[in-house]
Amino acid sequence: MAIRAAYQASPSTPPIFGGLTLIGDWSRNGGLLWVDITATDADATRQLLADTFGFHPLAISDALRDKHPPKIEVFADHALLIMRGLDAEASALEHLTNQLAFFMADGLLVTVRKRVSRSIDETWQRLSDGTFDLSIGSTRLACRVVRAVADRYVPILLGAEARLEALEEEILIAGSDSMLAELISTKTMLKKMRRTQIYHCDTVRDWREAALAQPDPHRQHTTETRHELNDAVEHFERVNNLSHLYQELADDLINGYLSISTHKLNQIMKIFTAFTVIFLPLTLIAGIYGMNFENMPELQWRYGYFAVLAAMVFVVMGGFVIAKWRRWL
């Protein structure tokens, strides 16, 4: 278990960065505290969250589960928010997710994850750089991380859009089974992503209602908090809408590919059918003159062979003319 902490005794003092000792300072003196935990040891993390911070056992169990849907749950003196951020190495639709748990209480934010989170690290770096401090309160601080979580999805979706546009052009020129496989895979990944974003949108909306219904006494700017919560909702709604849009685009391209393939197959079958119809009379003529009846006057005719060949050529040429006239070829 790895722990880092940022502690601010009052809004007028700068944050101090350290480890477990800052948790003790916060417990004795109050103030504002952000604790970031990488839960490599589930039992030790569970004990810390229960004994040091007094969080609800069910909230701790949910936070330490391997896979839990995004949710917000409000307890007597704290709230639990669970989100699913992208894995630190994710750069394409084929990605892993990283569960992030946020415990928010009076002057306290505790984030728990099992792996590296770029969203948390970027927000921590901005806090270290002095872009903002802990006086904004636990709700607004969690909003900064949550917006960073949403923002990581956008480049991946925009990259998927560019690839889908390229596939659309390639399909019109020359489609292939590999393109169809890629489209189906893309649609599946977008569907999974959209399902996650639907959970996110519902969770962030519920969080906004719960946070505004129970104001944090350390929050100095209620209007700013409302704006940040609204912004977090808008970020995830955008990601959800993009996921839906590109999923429909992938679905349209799949249907378009199948339609083009069916059309090409129909064209080939039409040509084969036309040739079959044109040359079928030749089989009939050959079949008639292949019958070995004794009383067949044409068999004794000196020019019978050449006449039958001429008739066959005439039938074939006539068939081609009719097929062209009817636009069958």
Protein backbone atom coordinates (compact mmCIF):
# COMPACT_ATOMS: atom_id res chain seq x y z
CA MET A 1 0.00 0.00 0.00
CA ALA A 2 1.41 3.37 -1.09
CA ILE A 3 0.12 6.57 0.50
CA ARG A 4 0.69 10.22 -0.26
CA ALA A 5 -1.10 13.12 1.37
CA ALA A 6 -1.58 16.84 0.94
CA TYR A 7 -2.57 18.85 4.01
CA GLN A 8 -3.64 22.46 4.35
CA ALA A 9 -4.20 23.73 7.86
CA SER A 10 -6.29 26.72 6.75
CA PRO A 11 -7.26 28.49 3.52
CA SER A 12 -4.59 31.12 4.18
CA THR A 13 -1.70 28.62 4.39
CA PRO A 14 -0.16 26.67 1.48
CA PRO A 15 -0.60 22.90 1.18
CA ILE A 16 2.02 20.59 2.66
CA PHE A 17 2.84 17.34 0.89
CA GLY A 18 3.91 14.16 2.64
CA GLY A 19 2.64 10.83 3.90
CA LEU A 20 1.01 9.27 6.95
CA THR A 21 2.21 11.95 9.37
CA LEU A 22 -0.02 14.51 7.66
CA ILE A 23 -3.03 12.35 8.43
CA GLY A 24 -2.13 12.67 12.11
CA ASP A 25 -1.79 16.45 11.78
CA TRP A 26 -5.24 16.64 10.20
CA SER A 27 -6.76 14.41 12.91
CA ARG A 28 -5.35 16.65 15.68
CA ASN A 29 -5.67 20.10 14.17
CA GLY A 30 -8.39 19.84 11.52
CA GLY A 31 -8.04 21.63 8.22
CA LEU A 32 -8.16 20.22 4.71
CA LEU A 33 -6.64 16.89 3.64
CA TRP A 34 -6.33 14.85 0.44
CA VAL A 35 -5.04 11.30 0.85
CA ASP A 36 -4.25 9.27 -2.26
CA ILE A 37 -3.93 5.51 -1.68
CA THR A 38 -2.65 2.88 -4.09
CA ALA A 39 -4.29 -0.20 -2.59
CA THR A 40 -1.79 -2.94 -3.35
CA ASP A 41 -2.62 -4.51 0.04
CA ALA A 42 -6.41 -4.74 0.39
CA ASP A 43 -6.38 -5.72 4.09
CA ALA A 44 -4.08 -2.88 5.12
CA THR A 45 -6.11 -0.40 3.07
CA ARG A 46 -9.35 -1.65 4.60
CA GLN A 47 -7.95 -1.23 8.10
CA LEU A 48 -6.70 2.29 7.37
CA LEU A 49 -10.00 3.42 5.90
CA ALA A 50 -11.99 1.93 8.77
CA ASP A 51 -9.80 2.74 11.77
CA THR A 52 -8.29 6.08 10.78
CA PHE A 53 -11.17 7.67 8.85
CA GLY A 54 -14.16 5.71 10.13
CA PHE A 55 -15.71 5.10 6.73
CA HIS A 56 -18.68 2.73 6.47
CA PRO A 57 -17.67 -0.95 6.03
CA LEU A 58 -19.95 -1.38 3.01
CA ALA A 59 -18.43 1.68 1.36
CA ILE A 60 -14.95 0.29 1.95
CA SER A 61 -15.93 -3.10 0.49
CA ASP A 62 -17.33 -1.43 -2.64
CA ALA A 63 -14.22 0.71 -3.04
CA LEU A 64 -11.91 -2.31 -2.84
CA ARG A 65 -13.84 -4.55 -5.19
CA ASP A 66 -12.05 -5.37 -8.43
CA LYS A 67 -14.93 -4.28 -10.64
CA HIS A 68 -17.79 -2.17 -9.38
CA PRO A 69 -20.15 -0.12 -11.57
CA PRO A 70 -19.89 3.66 -11.14
CA LYS A 71 -22.06 4.82 -8.25
CA ILE A 72 -22.57 7.53 -5.64
CA GLU A 73 -23.70 6.65 -2.12
CA VAL A 74 -24.17 9.12 0.72
CA PHE A 75 -23.62 8.03 4.32
CA ALA A 76 -24.09 9.94 7.56
CA ASP A 77 -20.78 11.85 7.54
CA HIS A 78 -19.21 10.98 4.19
CA ALA A 79 -20.01 10.03 0.61
CA LEU A 80 -18.56 7.38 -1.68
CA LEU A 81 -18.12 8.00 -5.40
CA ILE A 82 -16.87 5.21 -7.70
CA MET A 83 -15.75 5.91 -11.27
CA ARG A 84 -14.04 3.89 -13.96
CA GLY A 85 -11.08 5.71 -15.44
CA LEU A 86 -8.90 4.58 -18.28
CA ASP A 87 -5.84 2.51 -17.54
CA ALA A 88 -2.64 4.56 -17.51
CA GLU A 89 -1.42 2.87 -20.72
CA ALA A 90 -4.74 3.09 -22.60
CA SER A 91 -4.44 4.85 -25.96
CA ALA A 92 -7.00 3.07 -28.16
CA LEU A 93 -10.49 1.60 -27.99
CA GLU A 94 -9.03 -1.75 -26.89
CA HIS A 95 -8.35 -0.58 -23.34
CA LEU A 96 -8.47 -1.57 -19.71
CA THR A 97 -10.20 0.48 -17.04
CA ASN A 98 -9.03 1.46 -13.59
CA GLN A 99 -11.52 1.71 -10.75
CA LEU A 100 -11.27 4.95 -8.77
CA ALA A 101 -12.99 5.42 -5.41
CA PHE A 102 -13.52 8.84 -3.82
CA PHE A 103 -14.37 9.17 -0.13
CA MET A 104 -15.57 12.73 0.53
CA ALA A 105 -16.13 14.09 4.03
CA ASP A 106 -15.88 17.36 5.92
CA GLY A 107 -12.51 18.78 4.86
CA LEU A 108 -11.35 15.39 3.58
CA LEU A 109 -10.90 13.64 0.26
CA VAL A 110 -9.52 10.10 0.08
CA THR A 111 -8.90 8.55 -3.33
CA VAL A 112 -8.33 4.81 -3.63
CA ARG A 113 -7.11 2.92 -6.72
CA LYS A 114 -5.19 -0.28 -7.33
CA ARG A 115 -3.09 0.92 -10.25
CA VAL A 116 -1.55 4.11 -11.56
CA SER A 117 -4.16 6.72 -12.45
CA ARG A 118 -3.08 9.45 -14.83
CA SER A 119 -6.18 11.49 -13.95
CA ILE A 120 -5.29 11.55 -10.25
CA ASP A 121 -1.60 12.13 -10.97
CA GLU A 122 -2.35 15.08 -13.27
CA THR A 123 -4.66 16.68 -10.70
CA TRP A 124 -2.09 16.08 -7.95
CA GLN A 125 0.56 17.75 -10.10
CA ARG A 126 -1.66 20.78 -10.66
CA LEU A 127 -2.18 21.00 -6.89
CA SER A 128 1.59 20.81 -6.39
CA ASP A 129 2.14 23.53 -9.01
CA GLY A 130 -0.19 25.88 -7.16
CA THR A 131 -2.90 25.96 -9.84
CA PHE A 132 -5.38 25.58 -6.96
CA ASP A 133 -5.22 24.52 -3.33
CA LEU A 134 -7.23 22.37 -0.94
CA SER A 135 -9.37 25.30 0.18
CA ILE A 136 -11.69 24.63 -2.78
CA GLY A 137 -13.12 21.74 -0.74
CA SER A 138 -13.39 18.01 -1.22
CA THR A 139 -16.30 18.17 -3.68
CA ARG A 140 -14.61 20.60 -6.08
CA LEU A 141 -11.31 18.74 -5.72
CA ALA A 142 -13.02 15.47 -6.66
CA CYS A 143 -14.63 17.31 -9.59
CA ARG A 144 -11.18 18.19 -10.93
CA VAL A 145 -10.19 14.52 -10.91
CA VAL A 146 -13.50 13.38 -12.39
CA ARG A 147 -13.22 15.85 -15.25
CA ALA A 148 -9.70 14.57 -15.92
CA VAL A 149 -11.16 11.04 -16.06
CA ALA A 150 -13.70 12.14 -18.70
CA ASP A 151 -11.13 14.08 -20.70
CA ARG A 152 -8.97 10.98 -21.17
CA TYR A 153 -11.78 9.28 -23.09
CA VAL A 154 -12.15 12.07 -25.65
CA PRO A 155 -8.86 11.62 -27.61
CA ILE A 156 -9.52 7.90 -27.94
CA LEU A 157 -12.99 8.56 -29.32
CA LEU A 158 -11.73 11.20 -31.72
CA GLY A 159 -9.07 8.75 -32.90
CA ALA A 160 -11.83 6.19 -33.49
CA GLU A 161 -13.71 8.78 -35.56
CA ALA A 162 -10.68 9.36 -37.80
CA ARG A 163 -10.24 5.61 -38.30
CA LEU A 164 -13.93 5.14 -39.10
CA GLU A 165 -13.75 7.90 -41.71
CA ALA A 166 -10.72 6.20 -43.29
CA LEU A 167 -12.54 2.85 -43.31
CA GLU A 168 -15.55 4.48 -44.95
CA GLU A 169 -13.39 5.64 -47.87
CA GLU A 170 -11.61 2.28 -48.13
CA ILE A 171 -14.88 0.36 -48.18
CA LEU A 172 -16.13 2.35 -51.15
CA ILE A 173 -12.91 1.59 -53.05
CA ALA A 174 -12.29 -2.03 -52.12
CA GLY A 175 -13.75 -3.69 -49.05
CA SER A 176 -12.25 -6.76 -47.40
CA ASP A 177 -13.03 -9.23 -44.65
CA SER A 178 -10.36 -7.62 -42.45
CA MET A 179 -12.19 -4.28 -42.70
CA LEU A 180 -15.45 -5.92 -41.67
CA ALA A 181 -13.72 -7.60 -38.72
CA GLU A 182 -12.23 -4.26 -37.64
CA LEU A 183 -15.62 -2.54 -37.90
CA ILE A 184 -17.30 -5.22 -35.80
CA SER A 185 -14.52 -5.00 -33.19
CA THR A 186 -14.78 -1.19 -33.13
CA LYS A 187 -18.55 -1.33 -32.70
CA THR A 188 -18.18 -3.79 -29.81
CA MET A 189 -15.62 -1.62 -28.00
CA LEU A 190 -17.73 1.51 -28.52
CA LYS A 191 -20.76 -0.31 -27.17
CA LYS A 192 -18.83 -1.28 -24.03
CA MET A 193 -17.53 2.26 -23.64
CA ARG A 194 -21.00 3.72 -24.04
CA ARG A 195 -22.36 1.37 -21.39
CA THR A 196 -19.70 2.65 -18.98
CA GLN A 197 -20.50 6.27 -19.88
CA ILE A 198 -24.22 5.76 -19.25
CA TYR A 199 -23.30 4.65 -15.72
CA HIS A 200 -20.99 7.65 -15.40
CA CYS A 201 -23.64 10.15 -16.53
CA ASP A 202 -26.23 8.80 -14.10
CA THR A 203 -23.70 8.70 -11.27
CA VAL A 204 -22.40 12.24 -11.79
CA ARG A 205 -25.94 13.64 -12.03
CA ASP A 206 -26.87 11.91 -8.77
CA TRP A 207 -23.65 13.19 -7.20
CA ARG A 208 -24.51 16.75 -8.23
CA GLU A 209 -27.92 16.50 -6.59
CA ALA A 210 -26.53 14.94 -3.42
CA ALA A 211 -23.61 17.39 -3.13
CA LEU A 212 -25.78 20.46 -3.57
CA ALA A 213 -28.39 19.13 -1.15
CA GLN A 214 -25.76 18.71 1.61
CA PRO A 215 -23.38 21.68 1.45
CA ASP A 216 -19.84 21.25 2.75
CA PRO A 217 -19.14 23.83 5.49
CA HIS A 218 -15.59 24.24 4.17
CA ARG A 219 -16.81 25.09 0.68
CA GLN A 220 -16.41 28.82 0.23
CA HIS A 221 -18.05 29.29 -3.17
CA THR A 222 -21.33 27.40 -3.54
CA THR A 223 -21.88 28.84 -7.01
CA GLU A 224 -18.44 27.69 -8.15
CA THR A 225 -19.14 24.21 -6.82
CA ARG A 226 -22.38 24.07 -8.74
CA HIS A 227 -20.55 25.17 -11.89
CA GLU A 228 -17.88 22.51 -11.46
CA LEU A 229 -20.44 19.78 -10.86
CA ASN A 230 -22.39 20.91 -13.93
CA ASP A 231 -19.16 20.90 -15.91
CA ALA A 232 -18.39 17.34 -14.78
CA VAL A 233 -21.86 16.27 -15.92
CA GLU A 234 -21.35 17.97 -19.29
CA HIS A 235 -17.96 16.30 -19.77
CA PHE A 236 -19.41 12.83 -19.33
CA GLU A 237 -22.50 13.63 -21.39
CA ARG A 238 -20.16 14.63 -24.21
CA VAL A 239 -18.21 11.37 -23.90
CA ASN A 240 -21.47 9.42 -23.82
CA ASN A 241 -22.81 11.24 -26.89
CA LEU A 242 -19.57 10.68 -28.80
CA SER A 243 -19.61 6.98 -27.89
CA HIS A 244 -23.20 6.71 -29.11
CA LEU A 245 -22.49 8.67 -32.30
CA TYR A 246 -19.45 6.61 -33.29
CA GLN A 247 -21.19 3.36 -32.38
CA GLU A 248 -24.00 4.28 -34.79
CA LEU A 249 -21.41 5.28 -37.41
CA ALA A 250 -19.66 1.90 -37.07
CA ASP A 251 -23.04 0.17 -37.33
CA ASP A 252 -23.88 2.17 -40.48
CA LEU A 253 -20.52 1.27 -42.02
CA ILE A 254 -21.09 -2.43 -41.28
CA ASN A 255 -24.51 -2.26 -42.93
CA GLY A 256 -23.01 -0.27 -45.81
CA TYR A 257 -20.24 -2.85 -46.29
CA LEU A 258 -22.76 -5.69 -46.32
CA SER A 259 -24.97 -3.77 -48.75
CA ILE A 260 -22.05 -3.14 -51.11
CA SER A 261 -21.00 -6.79 -50.88
CA THR A 262 -24.56 -7.92 -51.59
CA HIS A 263 -24.80 -5.52 -54.52
CA LYS A 264 -21.53 -6.81 -56.01
CA LEU A 265 -22.70 -10.38 -55.55
CA ASN A 266 -25.99 -9.55 -57.26
CA GLN A 267 -24.13 -7.97 -60.17
CA ILE A 268 -21.98 -11.08 -60.57
CA MET A 269 -25.00 -13.37 -60.34
CA LYS A 270 -26.83 -11.23 -62.92
CA ILE A 271 -23.94 -11.62 -65.37
CA PHE A 272 -23.77 -15.37 -64.76
CA THR A 273 -27.53 -15.65 -65.21
CA ALA A 274 -27.44 -13.65 -68.45
CA PHE A 275 -24.69 -15.84 -69.88
CA THR A 276 -26.58 -18.94 -68.81
CA VAL A 277 -29.74 -17.74 -70.56
CA ILE A 278 -27.79 -16.77 -73.71
CA PHE A 279 -25.96 -20.08 -74.07
CA LEU A 280 -28.83 -22.32 -72.94
CA PRO A 281 -30.35 -22.50 -76.48
CA LEU A 282 -27.04 -23.87 -77.76
CA THR A 283 -27.42 -26.80 -75.39
CA LEU A 284 -30.92 -27.33 -76.71
CA ILE A 285 -29.75 -27.30 -80.35
CA ALA A 286 -26.83 -29.61 -79.58
CA GLY A 287 -29.19 -31.91 -77.70
CA ILE A 288 -31.63 -32.10 -80.61
CA TYR A 289 -28.97 -32.90 -83.16
CA GLY A 290 -27.30 -35.27 -80.78
CA MET A 291 -30.33 -37.60 -80.99
CA ASN A 292 -29.44 -40.51 -83.24
CA PHE A 293 -32.77 -40.93 -84.99
CA GLU A 294 -32.57 -42.41 -88.44
CA ASN A 295 -35.14 -40.08 -90.02
CA MET A 296 -33.49 -36.67 -89.52
CA PRO A 297 -33.40 -34.88 -92.89
CA GLU A 298 -30.78 -32.33 -91.83
CA LEU A 299 -28.26 -35.08 -91.17
CA GLN A 300 -28.00 -35.77 -94.90
CA TRP A 301 -27.84 -32.13 -95.92
CA ARG A 302 -24.43 -31.12 -97.23
CA TYR A 303 -24.52 -27.73 -95.50
CA GLY A 304 -26.42 -28.80 -92.39
CA TYR A 305 -23.40 -28.59 -90.06
CA PHE A 306 -22.56 -25.08 -91.18
CA ALA A 307 -26.20 -24.00 -90.97
CA VAL A 308 -26.48 -25.21 -87.38
CA LEU A 309 -23.25 -23.40 -86.45
CA ALA A 310 -24.60 -20.23 -88.08
CA ALA A 311 -27.86 -20.64 -86.18
CA MET A 312 -25.93 -21.01 -82.93
CA VAL A 313 -23.92 -17.86 -83.62
CA PHE A 314 -27.14 -16.02 -84.51
CA VAL A 315 -28.82 -17.14 -81.28
CA VAL A 316 -25.82 -16.07 -79.16
CA MET A 317 -25.50 -12.69 -80.86
CA GLY A 318 -29.24 -12.13 -80.59
CA GLY A 319 -29.10 -12.99 -76.90
CA PHE A 320 -26.30 -10.48 -76.32
CA VAL A 321 -28.21 -7.76 -78.20
CA ILE A 322 -31.39 -8.38 -76.19
CA ALA A 323 -29.42 -8.46 -72.88
CA LYS A 324 -27.72 -5.16 -73.71
CA TRP A 325 -31.01 -3.61 -74.79
CA ARG A 326 -32.70 -4.68 -71.52
CA ARG A 327 -29.57 -3.60 -69.59
CA TRP A 328 -29.00 -7.01 -68.13
CA LEU A 329 -25.30 -6.70 -68.94
